[in-house]
Amino acid sequence: MATTFSTRIIQAPMAGGPATPSLVKAVCDAGALGFLAGGYLSPQALDQQIADVGDRQFGVNLFVPEAHHPKDEDLDFYRNALQPAFAQFGLDLPAVPSFTDDSFDAKVDIVLQRQLGYCTFTFGLPDSSVVFALRKAGIRVGITVTTLAEALKAAEYGADFLILQGPDAGGHSGQFDQSAEPSTTSLLELIDEARSKVTLPLVAAGGIGTPADAATLLEGGADAVQLGTRFLTSYEAGTKPCHRRALIEGSYTETTRTRAFSGRPARGLRNEFIDRFDAEAVIGYPQVNTLVGSLKKAAGDDPAWQNLWAGTGWAECREQSAAEIVREFSEYLNSHGL
């Protein structure tokens, strides 16, 4: 086992509400490694969540500001395509939102001040000075990658470990360039490619529904596995009620990748919003994410209008505690010598 982790099981930092302090505490107390999601939180809210988790070994994930800025004409096109949806909810068509860096620098400062054990980054490479400062402070740095080329860049940049995200992962693709077509390289193949080229610890993420799935990835060369979707229906997660029901009740039958909700490729349960707007979706994170956010808020608890992020292992979801999930995976892996 790589010395970077004391566990084989890591909880994914699911942004947008699911990764609550209660979930992170429960995961850590069960012997796994929990992560708060810094994405979309204000710096003040992130600082409070870190305080709420308390004196535990855990980490925070941050979204790297987009290197590829969408075209104004693309954003205008999609805004106009959404006009019937805004009208349906009695809303005026809003202006195209401005670009935001999600208060990135302020959140990095908070991680440094709080002296956390881990900080991971998604959507690209932070400035090298950020990686240097975190590592100097004794904070282990992880980078989410989706291809071998990204893995090599992250290793050269000074990452302590890599999160290898396969195409079956729920939620946003962590690819560095949002304008690129998302990778279709299988997670096992990506592990094999990365293992042959880099010596860093590798965390496998995406589509892990069962302990047997996790065992296959660990036997394939991963040092740890990252579970996301399975935790969405844990008691401690802050998952929206309609999202939780959709994962458990079986009213949706497949996942798909789409840019319709945010302008970035992301995998979720295929619903009416995707069917209606996927064909017109554009490259446009984070502006599209903000634009669609007002529609989701107006729709309330209607799953037809919500991003029901889910990996391909979503059918294994059920209501249970985070500790039960960790125990289910731990006992299986231990029994198989992993």
Protein backbone atom coordinates (compact mmCIF):
# COMPACT_ATOMS: atom_id res chain seq x y z
CA MET A 1 0.00 0.00 0.00
CA ALA A 2 1.31 3.42 -0.92
CA THR A 3 2.28 5.41 2.16
CA THR A 4 0.28 8.43 0.97
CA PHE A 5 -2.91 6.75 2.25
CA SER A 6 -3.76 4.69 5.32
CA THR A 7 -6.84 3.30 3.57
CA ARG A 8 -7.87 1.80 0.25
CA ILE A 9 -11.19 3.65 0.27
CA ILE A 10 -11.62 7.36 -0.46
CA GLN A 11 -14.89 9.29 -0.56
CA ALA A 12 -15.26 11.48 -3.63
CA PRO A 13 -15.68 15.24 -3.08
CA MET A 14 -19.15 15.61 -4.59
CA ALA A 15 -19.74 19.33 -5.10
CA GLY A 16 -23.13 20.98 -4.94
CA GLY A 17 -24.29 19.72 -1.56
CA PRO A 18 -23.77 15.95 -1.13
CA ALA A 19 -20.35 16.06 0.55
CA THR A 20 -21.51 17.44 3.90
CA PRO A 21 -19.33 17.66 7.00
CA SER A 22 -21.52 14.90 8.45
CA LEU A 23 -20.65 12.62 5.54
CA VAL A 24 -16.94 13.37 5.77
CA LYS A 25 -16.95 12.77 9.52
CA ALA A 26 -18.78 9.46 9.13
CA VAL A 27 -16.42 8.29 6.38
CA CYS A 28 -13.33 9.20 8.37
CA ASP A 29 -14.66 7.66 11.57
CA ALA A 30 -15.30 4.43 9.66
CA GLY A 31 -11.63 4.27 8.65
CA ALA A 32 -11.75 5.69 5.12
CA LEU A 33 -10.59 9.08 3.80
CA GLY A 34 -13.25 11.77 3.42
CA PHE A 35 -13.21 14.89 1.26
CA LEU A 36 -15.15 18.12 1.43
CA ALA A 37 -16.08 19.71 -1.89
CA GLY A 38 -14.88 23.30 -2.09
CA GLY A 39 -16.57 23.87 -5.45
CA TYR A 40 -19.49 26.36 -5.40
CA LEU A 41 -19.00 27.18 -1.71
CA SER A 42 -18.09 30.65 -0.56
CA PRO A 43 -14.72 30.84 1.22
CA GLN A 44 -16.57 31.49 4.46
CA ALA A 45 -18.79 28.44 4.01
CA LEU A 46 -15.80 26.24 3.18
CA ASP A 47 -13.97 27.43 6.28
CA GLN A 48 -17.00 26.66 8.43
CA GLN A 49 -17.38 23.18 6.92
CA ILE A 50 -13.71 22.44 7.63
CA ALA A 51 -14.26 23.52 11.22
CA ASP A 52 -17.37 21.34 11.44
CA VAL A 53 -15.45 18.21 10.40
CA GLY A 54 -13.11 18.81 13.30
CA ASP A 55 -9.87 17.10 14.23
CA ARG A 56 -9.79 14.36 11.63
CA GLN A 57 -7.50 13.44 8.76
CA PHE A 58 -9.43 14.55 5.65
CA GLY A 59 -9.10 16.68 2.55
CA VAL A 60 -10.68 19.38 0.43
CA ASN A 61 -11.17 19.40 -3.33
CA LEU A 62 -11.02 22.64 -5.33
CA PHE A 63 -12.03 23.46 -8.90
CA VAL A 64 -9.20 24.98 -10.92
CA PRO A 65 -10.43 28.05 -12.86
CA GLU A 66 -11.10 27.22 -16.49
CA ALA A 67 -8.20 27.68 -18.90
CA HIS A 68 -10.58 27.52 -21.89
CA HIS A 69 -13.05 30.39 -21.91
CA PRO A 70 -16.21 29.79 -23.96
CA LYS A 71 -17.16 31.94 -26.92
CA ASP A 72 -19.67 34.72 -26.34
CA GLU A 73 -21.66 33.64 -29.38
CA ASP A 74 -21.95 30.09 -28.05
CA LEU A 75 -23.21 31.32 -24.71
CA ASP A 76 -25.74 33.59 -26.43
CA PHE A 77 -26.90 30.69 -28.58
CA TYR A 78 -27.55 28.41 -25.62
CA ARG A 79 -29.18 31.18 -23.62
CA ASN A 80 -31.66 31.66 -26.43
CA ALA A 81 -32.19 27.91 -26.76
CA LEU A 82 -33.23 27.85 -23.10
CA GLN A 83 -35.76 30.67 -23.54
CA PRO A 84 -38.81 28.32 -23.70
CA ALA A 85 -37.72 26.71 -20.45
CA PHE A 86 -37.43 30.04 -18.67
CA ALA A 87 -40.83 31.02 -20.03
CA GLN A 88 -42.29 27.73 -18.78
CA PHE A 89 -41.40 28.75 -15.23
CA GLY A 90 -42.49 32.36 -15.70
CA LEU A 91 -38.93 33.64 -15.58
CA ASP A 92 -37.43 36.45 -17.62
CA LEU A 93 -34.56 35.37 -19.84
CA PRO A 94 -31.44 36.32 -17.85
CA ALA A 95 -28.29 37.87 -19.19
CA VAL A 96 -25.35 35.58 -19.85
CA PRO A 97 -23.55 35.18 -16.52
CA SER A 98 -20.01 36.43 -16.09
CA PHE A 99 -17.00 34.16 -15.76
CA THR A 100 -16.06 33.27 -12.19
CA ASP A 101 -12.98 31.61 -10.72
CA ASP A 102 -15.03 30.29 -7.78
CA SER A 103 -12.90 32.31 -5.29
CA PHE A 104 -10.04 29.92 -5.98
CA ASP A 105 -7.18 31.83 -4.34
CA ALA A 106 -9.17 32.52 -1.18
CA LYS A 107 -10.02 28.84 -0.83
CA VAL A 108 -6.40 27.80 -1.29
CA ASP A 109 -5.50 30.23 1.50
CA ILE A 110 -8.07 28.60 3.78
CA VAL A 111 -6.66 25.12 3.11
CA LEU A 112 -3.20 26.43 3.96
CA GLN A 113 -4.40 28.15 7.11
CA ARG A 114 -6.28 25.06 8.27
CA GLN A 115 -3.28 22.79 7.63
CA LEU A 116 -5.36 19.96 6.18
CA GLY A 117 -3.92 16.59 5.31
CA TYR A 118 -4.92 16.63 1.65
CA CYS A 119 -5.93 19.02 -1.11
CA THR A 120 -7.01 17.80 -4.53
CA PHE A 121 -7.72 19.71 -7.72
CA THR A 122 -10.17 19.10 -10.54
CA PHE A 123 -10.48 20.71 -14.03
CA GLY A 124 -6.78 21.28 -14.53
CA LEU A 125 -3.47 22.19 -12.95
CA PRO A 126 -3.29 25.02 -10.44
CA ASP A 127 -0.38 27.43 -10.66
CA SER A 128 2.87 25.76 -9.69
CA SER A 129 3.24 28.21 -6.80
CA VAL A 130 0.03 26.78 -5.29
CA VAL A 131 1.35 23.22 -5.44
CA PHE A 132 4.65 24.36 -3.95
CA ALA A 133 2.98 26.23 -1.07
CA LEU A 134 0.71 23.32 -0.19
CA ARG A 135 3.49 20.75 -0.25
CA LYS A 136 5.77 23.05 1.77
CA ALA A 137 3.02 23.18 4.39
CA GLY A 138 2.94 19.38 4.51
CA ILE A 139 -0.37 19.09 2.64
CA ARG A 140 -0.45 16.23 0.15
CA VAL A 141 -1.60 17.33 -3.31
CA GLY A 142 -3.71 15.22 -5.64
CA ILE A 143 -4.67 16.02 -9.23
CA THR A 144 -7.66 14.55 -11.08
CA VAL A 145 -6.66 13.28 -14.55
CA THR A 146 -8.56 11.54 -17.32
CA THR A 147 -5.79 10.67 -19.79
CA LEU A 148 -2.17 9.55 -19.75
CA ALA A 149 -1.08 12.93 -21.11
CA GLU A 150 -2.79 14.69 -18.19
CA ALA A 151 -1.25 12.21 -15.75
CA LEU A 152 2.25 12.94 -17.05
CA LYS A 153 1.70 16.70 -16.77
CA ALA A 154 0.39 16.37 -13.21
CA ALA A 155 3.34 14.21 -12.20
CA GLU A 156 5.79 16.72 -13.67
CA TYR A 157 3.98 19.48 -11.79
CA GLY A 158 4.78 17.95 -8.42
CA ALA A 159 1.56 16.14 -7.47
CA ASP A 160 1.86 13.67 -4.60
CA PHE A 161 -0.79 11.37 -6.07
CA LEU A 162 -3.15 11.14 -9.02
CA ILE A 163 -6.89 10.51 -9.14
CA LEU A 164 -7.47 8.57 -12.36
CA GLN A 165 -11.03 9.29 -13.44
CA GLY A 166 -12.48 6.86 -15.94
CA PRO A 167 -15.32 7.52 -18.40
CA ASP A 168 -17.89 5.75 -16.17
CA ALA A 169 -17.58 8.37 -13.41
CA GLY A 170 -20.63 10.34 -12.38
CA GLY A 171 -20.64 14.11 -12.40
CA HIS A 172 -18.18 16.32 -14.24
CA SER A 173 -15.27 15.00 -16.20
CA GLY A 174 -12.10 16.33 -14.62
CA GLN A 175 -10.42 16.78 -18.00
CA PHE A 176 -8.04 19.74 -18.17
CA ASP A 177 -9.55 21.21 -21.38
CA GLN A 178 -13.31 21.50 -21.23
CA SER A 179 -13.47 21.98 -25.00
CA ALA A 180 -11.97 18.53 -25.70
CA GLU A 181 -14.02 15.44 -26.33
CA PRO A 182 -14.04 13.46 -23.08
CA SER A 183 -11.81 10.40 -22.99
CA THR A 184 -13.30 6.97 -23.59
CA THR A 185 -10.23 5.09 -22.33
CA SER A 186 -11.41 2.54 -19.78
CA LEU A 187 -10.34 3.01 -16.19
CA LEU A 188 -8.38 -0.25 -16.14
CA GLU A 189 -6.54 0.77 -19.29
CA LEU A 190 -5.79 4.21 -17.85
CA ILE A 191 -4.40 2.61 -14.69
CA ASP A 192 -2.20 0.35 -16.77
CA GLU A 193 -0.93 3.26 -18.89
CA ALA A 194 -0.23 5.48 -15.89
CA ARG A 195 1.41 2.72 -13.87
CA SER A 196 3.90 2.14 -16.68
CA LYS A 197 4.89 5.82 -16.85
CA VAL A 198 4.63 7.35 -13.36
CA THR A 199 5.64 6.18 -9.90
CA LEU A 200 3.04 8.17 -7.95
CA PRO A 201 0.22 6.53 -5.99
CA LEU A 202 -2.86 6.10 -8.16
CA VAL A 203 -6.46 6.45 -7.02
CA ALA A 204 -9.03 4.83 -9.34
CA ALA A 205 -12.38 6.62 -9.72
CA GLY A 206 -15.50 6.09 -11.76
CA GLY A 207 -18.24 3.48 -12.04
CA ILE A 208 -17.33 1.59 -8.86
CA GLY A 209 -20.63 0.14 -7.73
CA THR A 210 -19.53 -2.97 -5.86
CA PRO A 211 -16.61 -4.15 -3.74
CA ALA A 212 -15.78 -6.57 -6.56
CA ASP A 213 -15.40 -3.58 -8.90
CA ALA A 214 -12.99 -2.02 -6.41
CA ALA A 215 -11.02 -5.25 -6.09
CA THR A 216 -10.60 -5.47 -9.86
CA LEU A 217 -9.12 -1.97 -9.97
CA LEU A 218 -6.78 -2.58 -7.04
CA GLU A 219 -5.62 -5.83 -8.63
CA GLY A 220 -5.15 -3.85 -11.85
CA GLY A 221 -2.60 -1.53 -10.26
CA ALA A 222 -4.51 1.15 -8.34
CA ASP A 223 -3.40 2.00 -4.79
CA ALA A 224 -6.86 3.11 -3.65
CA VAL A 225 -10.37 3.57 -5.01
CA GLN A 226 -12.56 6.65 -4.84
CA LEU A 227 -16.31 6.11 -4.35
CA GLY A 228 -18.79 8.82 -5.21
CA THR A 229 -22.20 7.70 -6.42
CA ARG A 230 -22.58 5.02 -3.74
CA PHE A 231 -22.32 7.72 -1.07
CA LEU A 232 -25.04 9.88 -2.67
CA THR A 233 -27.76 7.81 -1.02
CA SER A 234 -26.06 7.52 2.36
CA TYR A 235 -27.97 9.00 5.27
CA GLU A 236 -25.28 11.62 5.88
CA ALA A 237 -25.09 12.97 2.30
CA GLY A 238 -26.72 16.28 1.43
CA THR A 239 -28.13 14.92 -1.84
CA LYS A 240 -31.32 16.58 -3.10
CA PRO A 241 -34.42 14.49 -2.32
CA CYS A 242 -35.38 14.05 -5.99
CA HIS A 243 -31.82 12.98 -6.85
CA ARG A 244 -31.83 10.47 -4.01
CA ARG A 245 -35.19 9.03 -5.13
CA ALA A 246 -34.07 8.80 -8.74
CA LEU A 247 -31.04 6.71 -7.76
CA ILE A 248 -33.04 4.32 -5.59
CA GLU A 249 -36.48 3.95 -7.16
CA GLY A 250 -35.41 2.89 -10.65
CA SER A 251 -37.53 5.40 -12.55
CA TYR A 252 -34.50 6.22 -14.70
CA THR A 253 -32.75 3.48 -16.62
CA GLU A 254 -29.47 4.84 -17.99
CA THR A 255 -26.71 7.37 -17.56
CA THR A 256 -25.28 9.57 -20.27
CA ARG A 257 -22.68 12.26 -20.70
CA THR A 258 -23.97 15.73 -21.44
CA ARG A 259 -22.95 19.39 -21.50
CA ALA A 260 -26.56 20.52 -21.17
CA PHE A 261 -26.46 21.39 -17.47
CA SER A 262 -23.10 23.11 -17.17
CA GLY A 263 -21.27 23.40 -20.49
CA ARG A 264 -18.75 20.78 -19.29
CA PRO A 265 -19.05 17.06 -20.00
CA ALA A 266 -20.74 15.35 -17.06
CA ARG A 267 -22.42 11.98 -16.52
CA GLY A 268 -25.88 11.70 -14.99
CA LEU A 269 -29.15 9.86 -15.21
CA ARG A 270 -30.73 10.64 -18.55
CA ASN A 271 -33.81 12.78 -17.95
CA GLU A 272 -36.12 15.16 -19.76
CA PHE A 273 -33.82 18.17 -19.55
CA ILE A 274 -31.00 16.24 -21.21
CA ASP A 275 -33.30 14.91 -23.90
CA ARG A 276 -34.59 18.39 -24.60
CA PHE A 277 -31.39 20.42 -24.59
CA ASP A 278 -28.38 18.14 -25.06
CA ALA A 279 -28.32 18.56 -28.84
CA GLU A 280 -28.02 22.35 -28.47
CA ALA A 281 -25.61 22.37 -25.54
CA VAL A 282 -22.36 24.29 -25.93
CA ILE A 283 -18.91 24.39 -24.36
CA GLY A 284 -19.46 26.93 -21.62
CA TYR A 285 -18.45 26.17 -18.02
CA PRO A 286 -18.94 27.91 -15.63
CA GLN A 287 -21.35 30.34 -17.29
CA VAL A 288 -23.78 27.67 -18.50
CA ASN A 289 -23.77 26.13 -15.04
CA THR A 290 -24.84 29.45 -13.54
CA LEU A 291 -27.42 30.05 -16.27
CA VAL A 292 -29.09 26.67 -15.81
CA GLY A 293 -28.89 27.01 -12.03
CA SER A 294 -31.78 29.46 -11.96
CA LEU A 295 -33.91 26.99 -13.91
CA LYS A 296 -33.08 24.18 -11.50
CA LYS A 297 -33.99 26.40 -8.57
CA ALA A 298 -37.34 27.28 -10.14
CA ALA A 299 -38.06 23.59 -10.80
CA GLY A 300 -37.66 22.70 -7.14
CA ASP A 301 -37.80 18.96 -6.45
CA ASP A 302 -38.72 17.93 -10.00
CA PRO A 303 -36.08 15.41 -11.17
CA ALA A 304 -36.85 16.17 -14.82
CA TRP A 305 -35.01 19.50 -14.41
CA GLN A 306 -32.18 18.55 -12.09
CA ASN A 307 -28.70 17.25 -12.87
CA LEU A 308 -28.97 13.74 -11.45
CA TRP A 309 -25.25 13.03 -11.49
CA ALA A 310 -24.49 9.32 -11.35
CA GLY A 311 -21.76 6.94 -12.39
CA THR A 312 -22.50 3.73 -14.25
CA GLY A 313 -22.58 1.77 -10.99
CA TRP A 314 -25.57 3.76 -9.74
CA ALA A 315 -27.93 0.77 -9.65
CA GLU A 316 -26.10 -0.44 -6.52
CA CYS A 317 -27.26 2.62 -4.57
CA ARG A 318 -29.47 2.11 -1.54
CA GLU A 319 -30.27 3.90 1.68
CA GLN A 320 -27.59 3.08 4.23
CA SER A 321 -25.09 4.82 6.45
CA ALA A 322 -21.69 5.91 5.21
CA ALA A 323 -20.13 3.56 7.76
CA GLU A 324 -22.03 0.63 6.27
CA ILE A 325 -20.70 1.46 2.80
CA VAL A 326 -17.12 1.70 4.06
CA ARG A 327 -17.53 -1.54 5.99
CA GLU A 328 -19.03 -3.35 2.98
CA PHE A 329 -16.03 -2.45 0.83
CA SER A 330 -13.41 -2.87 3.56
CA GLU A 331 -14.53 -6.33 4.60
CA TYR A 332 -14.62 -7.57 1.01
CA LEU A 333 -11.19 -6.15 0.18
CA ASN A 334 -9.69 -7.49 3.39
CA SER A 335 -11.13 -10.93 2.73
CA HIS A 336 -9.46 -10.89 -0.69
CA GLY A 337 -6.10 -9.83 0.65
CA LEU A 338 -6.41 -6.28 -0.61
